[in-house]
Amino acid sequence: MRRALCPGTFDPVTSGHLDIIERSASLFDEVVVAVGLSPDKGGGPLFSVDERVGFITSAVKHLTNVVVRPFDTLLVEFAQMNDAHVIIKGLRAVTDFEREFQMAQLNYRLDADIETMFIMSIPEYAYLSSSAVKEIARHGGSVRGLVPDAVCEALAARLNQSH
């Protein structure tokens, strides 16, 4: 079985993330979406890991070969535990490539049997990031179409509580 890992913080999951997951699902027998706890990233995530897993699980329920799991280990260790020999990373721009290239080289050093595969964002999502979505939502802008509907509602509820 060809199993791949599609890791990220997904805080929150965006339409760009979902596009990469769907395209990955067409290339591999199984895709494990690995949701990182990431407590140190930018002051901590807006949504809990359980909420993020739930958002993604709901959004990919039509993909029978995709499973969503949280992780809090080295990515290479999580790939080994899940018998995944490919790590899929989505790229939007050159700045993404520089960071992801460095991580791919470090992961290769940890386990040369695990390959990193880059999938380019489609133009429609090249500008889209979780950070941008949160910033737009924080200031009352519409993020409809940029994230699943459940995430739109959760962002509105979460950010309205903080005011």
C-alpha atoms as a PDB file:
ATOM      1  CA  MET A   1       0.000   0.000   0.000  1.00  0.00           C
ATOM      2  CA  ARG A   2       1.255   3.447  -0.916  1.00  0.00           C
ATOM      3  CA  ARG A   3       0.583   5.636   2.142  1.00  0.00           C
ATOM      4  CA  ALA A   4       1.476   9.306   2.387  1.00  0.00           C
ATOM      5  CA  LEU A   5       1.428  11.804   5.218  1.00  0.00           C
ATOM      6  CA  CYS A   6       0.055  15.314   4.725  1.00  0.00           C
ATOM      7  CA  PRO A   7       1.129  17.249   7.841  1.00  0.00           C
ATOM      8  CA  GLY A   8       0.253  20.689   9.100  1.00  0.00           C
ATOM      9  CA  THR A   9      -1.073  22.785  11.920  1.00  0.00           C
ATOM     10  CA  PHE A  10      -4.304  23.506  10.020  1.00  0.00           C
ATOM     11  CA  ASP A  11      -5.281  26.360  12.363  1.00  0.00           C
ATOM     12  CA  PRO A  12      -7.715  26.568  10.676  1.00  0.00           C
ATOM     13  CA  VAL A  13      -7.880  24.277   7.664  1.00  0.00           C
ATOM     14  CA  THR A  14      -8.298  26.299   4.462  1.00  0.00           C
ATOM     15  CA  SER A  15      -9.614  25.529   0.998  1.00  0.00           C
ATOM     16  CA  GLY A  16      -5.964  25.466  -0.111  1.00  0.00           C
ATOM     17  CA  HIS A  17      -5.144  22.739   2.419  1.00  0.00           C
ATOM     18  CA  LEU A  18      -8.182  20.750   1.290  1.00  0.00           C
ATOM     19  CA  ASP A  19      -7.126  21.051  -2.349  1.00  0.00           C
ATOM     20  CA  ILE A  20      -3.686  19.595  -1.527  1.00  0.00           C
ATOM     21  CA  ILE A  21      -5.300  16.777   0.516  1.00  0.00           C
ATOM     22  CA  GLU A  22      -7.729  15.925  -2.302  1.00  0.00           C
ATOM     23  CA  ARG A  23      -4.993  15.929  -4.930  1.00  0.00           C
ATOM     24  CA  SER A  24      -2.837  13.755  -2.668  1.00  0.00           C
ATOM     25  CA  ALA A  25      -5.718  11.306  -2.220  1.00  0.00           C
ATOM     26  CA  SER A  26      -5.802  10.813  -5.995  1.00  0.00           C
ATOM     27  CA  LEU A  27      -2.099   9.874  -6.000  1.00  0.00           C
ATOM     28  CA  PHE A  28      -1.870   7.496  -3.028  1.00  0.00           C
ATOM     29  CA  ASP A  29      -3.775   4.490  -1.702  1.00  0.00           C
ATOM     30  CA  GLU A  30      -4.111   6.210   1.658  1.00  0.00           C
ATOM     31  CA  VAL A  31      -3.363   9.705   2.958  1.00  0.00           C
ATOM     32  CA  VAL A  32      -2.923  10.383   6.648  1.00  0.00           C
ATOM     33  CA  VAL A  33      -3.607  14.031   7.442  1.00  0.00           C
ATOM     34  CA  ALA A  34      -1.308  14.665  10.400  1.00  0.00           C
ATOM     35  CA  VAL A  35      -2.567  17.513  12.577  1.00  0.00           C
ATOM     36  CA  GLY A  36       0.249  18.914  14.700  1.00  0.00           C
ATOM     37  CA  LEU A  37      -0.484  20.078  18.222  1.00  0.00           C
ATOM     38  CA  SER A  38       1.878  23.046  17.642  1.00  0.00           C
ATOM     39  CA  PRO A  39       1.529  24.745  21.043  1.00  0.00           C
ATOM     40  CA  ASP A  40       4.582  26.953  20.383  1.00  0.00           C
ATOM     41  CA  LYS A  41       3.487  28.295  16.982  1.00  0.00           C
ATOM     42  CA  GLY A  42       2.626  32.006  17.211  1.00  0.00           C
ATOM     43  CA  GLY A  43       1.359  31.976  20.800  1.00  0.00           C
ATOM     44  CA  GLY A  44      -0.541  28.741  20.353  1.00  0.00           C
ATOM     45  CA  PRO A  45      -3.307  27.703  18.001  1.00  0.00           C
ATOM     46  CA  LEU A  46      -6.727  29.384  17.966  1.00  0.00           C
ATOM     47  CA  PHE A  47      -8.459  25.997  17.811  1.00  0.00           C
ATOM     48  CA  SER A  48      -7.685  22.896  19.856  1.00  0.00           C
ATOM     49  CA  VAL A  49      -6.220  19.884  18.092  1.00  0.00           C
ATOM     50  CA  ASP A  50      -9.544  18.056  18.542  1.00  0.00           C
ATOM     51  CA  GLU A  51     -11.412  20.928  16.874  1.00  0.00           C
ATOM     52  CA  ARG A  52      -8.918  21.013  13.982  1.00  0.00           C
ATOM     53  CA  VAL A  53      -9.144  17.220  13.542  1.00  0.00           C
ATOM     54  CA  GLY A  54     -12.945  17.539  13.534  1.00  0.00           C
ATOM     55  CA  PHE A  55     -12.985  20.309  10.921  1.00  0.00           C
ATOM     56  CA  ILE A  56     -10.760  18.309   8.575  1.00  0.00           C
ATOM     57  CA  THR A  57     -12.552  15.001   9.178  1.00  0.00           C
ATOM     58  CA  SER A  58     -15.851  16.638   8.274  1.00  0.00           C
ATOM     59  CA  ALA A  59     -14.400  18.335   5.188  1.00  0.00           C
ATOM     60  CA  VAL A  60     -12.803  15.139   3.788  1.00  0.00           C
ATOM     61  CA  LYS A  61     -15.565  12.653   4.622  1.00  0.00           C
ATOM     62  CA  HIS A  62     -16.145  12.151   0.882  1.00  0.00           C
ATOM     63  CA  LEU A  63     -12.553  10.867   0.506  1.00  0.00           C
ATOM     64  CA  THR A  64     -12.608   7.224   1.589  1.00  0.00           C
ATOM     65  CA  ASN A  65      -8.822   6.893   1.547  1.00  0.00           C
ATOM     66  CA  VAL A  66      -8.085   9.809   3.895  1.00  0.00           C
ATOM     67  CA  VAL A  67      -7.743   9.532   7.675  1.00  0.00           C
ATOM     68  CA  VAL A  68      -7.061  12.397  10.062  1.00  0.00           C
ATOM     69  CA  ARG A  69      -4.876  11.951  13.133  1.00  0.00           C
ATOM     70  CA  PRO A  70      -3.285  14.301  15.659  1.00  0.00           C
ATOM     71  CA  PHE A  71       0.437  14.061  16.365  1.00  0.00           C
ATOM     72  CA  ASP A  72       2.945  15.456  18.830  1.00  0.00           C
ATOM     73  CA  THR A  73       6.212  13.797  17.789  1.00  0.00           C
ATOM     74  CA  LEU A  74       8.873  14.387  15.202  1.00  0.00           C
ATOM     75  CA  LEU A  75       7.214  14.204  11.795  1.00  0.00           C
ATOM     76  CA  VAL A  76       9.565  11.425  10.687  1.00  0.00           C
ATOM     77  CA  GLU A  77       8.628   9.367  13.761  1.00  0.00           C
ATOM     78  CA  PHE A  78       4.930   9.866  13.022  1.00  0.00           C
ATOM     79  CA  ALA A  79       5.518   8.791   9.396  1.00  0.00           C
ATOM     80  CA  GLN A  80       7.301   5.657  10.636  1.00  0.00           C
ATOM     81  CA  MET A  81       4.476   4.867  13.097  1.00  0.00           C
ATOM     82  CA  ASN A  82       1.970   5.158  10.246  1.00  0.00           C
ATOM     83  CA  ASP A  83       4.076   3.244   7.694  1.00  0.00           C
ATOM     84  CA  ALA A  84       4.107   6.306   5.422  1.00  0.00           C
ATOM     85  CA  HIS A  85       7.064   6.646   3.081  1.00  0.00           C
ATOM     86  CA  VAL A  86       6.098  10.000   1.581  1.00  0.00           C
ATOM     87  CA  ILE A  87       5.547  13.363   3.252  1.00  0.00           C
ATOM     88  CA  ILE A  88       3.456  15.710   1.132  1.00  0.00           C
ATOM     89  CA  LYS A  89       3.906  19.450   1.507  1.00  0.00           C
ATOM     90  CA  GLY A  90       1.940  22.102  -0.319  1.00  0.00           C
ATOM     91  CA  LEU A  91       3.832  25.080  -1.695  1.00  0.00           C
ATOM     92  CA  ARG A  92       2.392  28.498  -2.450  1.00  0.00           C
ATOM     93  CA  ALA A  93       5.472  30.606  -3.149  1.00  0.00           C
ATOM     94  CA  VAL A  94       9.267  30.659  -3.139  1.00  0.00           C
ATOM     95  CA  THR A  95       9.266  31.595   0.553  1.00  0.00           C
ATOM     96  CA  ASP A  96       7.408  28.349   1.324  1.00  0.00           C
ATOM     97  CA  PHE A  97       9.959  26.403  -0.713  1.00  0.00           C
ATOM     98  CA  GLU A  98      12.939  27.702   1.239  1.00  0.00           C
ATOM     99  CA  ARG A  99      11.437  26.690   4.597  1.00  0.00           C
ATOM    100  CA  GLU A 100      10.059  23.363   3.334  1.00  0.00           C
ATOM    101  CA  PHE A 101      13.309  22.489   1.536  1.00  0.00           C
ATOM    102  CA  GLN A 102      15.224  22.897   4.794  1.00  0.00           C
ATOM    103  CA  MET A 103      12.735  20.700   6.671  1.00  0.00           C
ATOM    104  CA  ALA A 104      12.848  18.082   3.902  1.00  0.00           C
ATOM    105  CA  GLN A 105      16.646  17.917   4.150  1.00  0.00           C
ATOM    106  CA  LEU A 106      16.494  17.501   7.937  1.00  0.00           C
ATOM    107  CA  ASN A 107      13.828  14.805   7.626  1.00  0.00           C
ATOM    108  CA  TYR A 108      15.971  13.020   5.033  1.00  0.00           C
ATOM    109  CA  ARG A 109      18.867  13.046   7.486  1.00  0.00           C
ATOM    110  CA  LEU A 110      16.615  11.451  10.119  1.00  0.00           C
ATOM    111  CA  ASP A 111      15.260   8.782   7.739  1.00  0.00           C
ATOM    112  CA  ALA A 112      16.468   8.557   4.146  1.00  0.00           C
ATOM    113  CA  ASP A 113      13.658   6.100   3.301  1.00  0.00           C
ATOM    114  CA  ILE A 114      11.013   8.797   3.701  1.00  0.00           C
ATOM    115  CA  GLU A 115      10.653  11.061   0.670  1.00  0.00           C
ATOM    116  CA  THR A 116       9.219  14.566   0.644  1.00  0.00           C
ATOM    117  CA  MET A 117       6.909  15.428  -2.233  1.00  0.00           C
ATOM    118  CA  PHE A 118       5.954  19.025  -2.998  1.00  0.00           C
ATOM    119  CA  ILE A 119       2.584  19.846  -4.566  1.00  0.00           C
ATOM    120  CA  MET A 120       2.180  23.349  -5.918  1.00  0.00           C
ATOM    121  CA  SER A 121      -0.876  25.321  -4.917  1.00  0.00           C
ATOM    122  CA  ILE A 122      -3.350  26.105  -7.642  1.00  0.00           C
ATOM    123  CA  PRO A 123      -3.358  29.834  -8.510  1.00  0.00           C
ATOM    124  CA  GLU A 124      -6.718  30.366  -6.788  1.00  0.00           C
ATOM    125  CA  TYR A 125      -5.140  29.490  -3.407  1.00  0.00           C
ATOM    126  CA  ALA A 126      -1.578  30.760  -3.888  1.00  0.00           C
ATOM    127  CA  TYR A 127      -2.220  33.688  -1.523  1.00  0.00           C
ATOM    128  CA  LEU A 128      -4.231  31.755   1.053  1.00  0.00           C
ATOM    129  CA  SER A 129      -2.897  30.977   4.536  1.00  0.00           C
ATOM    130  CA  SER A 130      -4.432  30.170   7.902  1.00  0.00           C
ATOM    131  CA  SER A 131      -2.839  33.333   9.296  1.00  0.00           C
ATOM    132  CA  ALA A 132      -4.466  35.487   6.610  1.00  0.00           C
ATOM    133  CA  VAL A 133      -7.842  33.834   7.231  1.00  0.00           C
ATOM    134  CA  LYS A 134      -7.614  34.548  10.974  1.00  0.00           C
ATOM    135  CA  GLU A 135      -6.597  38.160  10.319  1.00  0.00           C
ATOM    136  CA  ILE A 136      -9.502  38.742   7.941  1.00  0.00           C
ATOM    137  CA  ALA A 137     -11.960  37.115  10.352  1.00  0.00           C
ATOM    138  CA  ARG A 138     -10.558  39.084  13.324  1.00  0.00           C
ATOM    139  CA  HIS A 139     -11.400  42.304  11.530  1.00  0.00           C
ATOM    140  CA  GLY A 140     -14.893  41.213  10.533  1.00  0.00           C
ATOM    141  CA  GLY A 141     -14.164  40.317   6.915  1.00  0.00           C
ATOM    142  CA  SER A 142     -15.801  37.390   5.179  1.00  0.00           C
ATOM    143  CA  VAL A 143     -13.754  34.200   4.847  1.00  0.00           C
ATOM    144  CA  ARG A 144     -16.571  32.305   3.120  1.00  0.00           C
ATOM    145  CA  GLY A 145     -15.086  30.162   0.357  1.00  0.00           C
ATOM    146  CA  LEU A 146     -11.618  30.344   1.893  1.00  0.00           C
ATOM    147  CA  VAL A 147     -12.442  27.776   4.587  1.00  0.00           C
ATOM    148  CA  PRO A 148     -15.194  25.160   5.093  1.00  0.00           C
ATOM    149  CA  ASP A 149     -18.514  26.569   6.337  1.00  0.00           C
ATOM    150  CA  ALA A 150     -18.050  24.974   9.774  1.00  0.00           C
ATOM    151  CA  VAL A 151     -14.764  26.846  10.132  1.00  0.00           C
ATOM    152  CA  CYS A 152     -16.443  30.139   9.134  1.00  0.00           C
ATOM    153  CA  GLU A 153     -18.962  29.674  11.927  1.00  0.00           C
ATOM    154  CA  ALA A 154     -16.330  28.593  14.464  1.00  0.00           C
ATOM    155  CA  LEU A 155     -14.104  31.580  13.609  1.00  0.00           C
ATOM    156  CA  ALA A 156     -16.996  34.001  14.058  1.00  0.00           C
ATOM    157  CA  ALA A 157     -17.950  32.431  17.383  1.00  0.00           C
ATOM    158  CA  ARG A 158     -14.391  32.241  18.708  1.00  0.00           C
ATOM    159  CA  LEU A 159     -13.330  35.711  17.642  1.00  0.00           C
ATOM    160  CA  ASN A 160     -16.549  37.382  18.774  1.00  0.00           C
ATOM    161  CA  GLN A 161     -16.031  35.864  22.253  1.00  0.00           C
ATOM    162  CA  SER A 162     -12.603  37.470  22.498  1.00  0.00           C
ATOM    163  CA  HIS A 163     -13.947  41.046  22.003  1.00  0.00           C
END
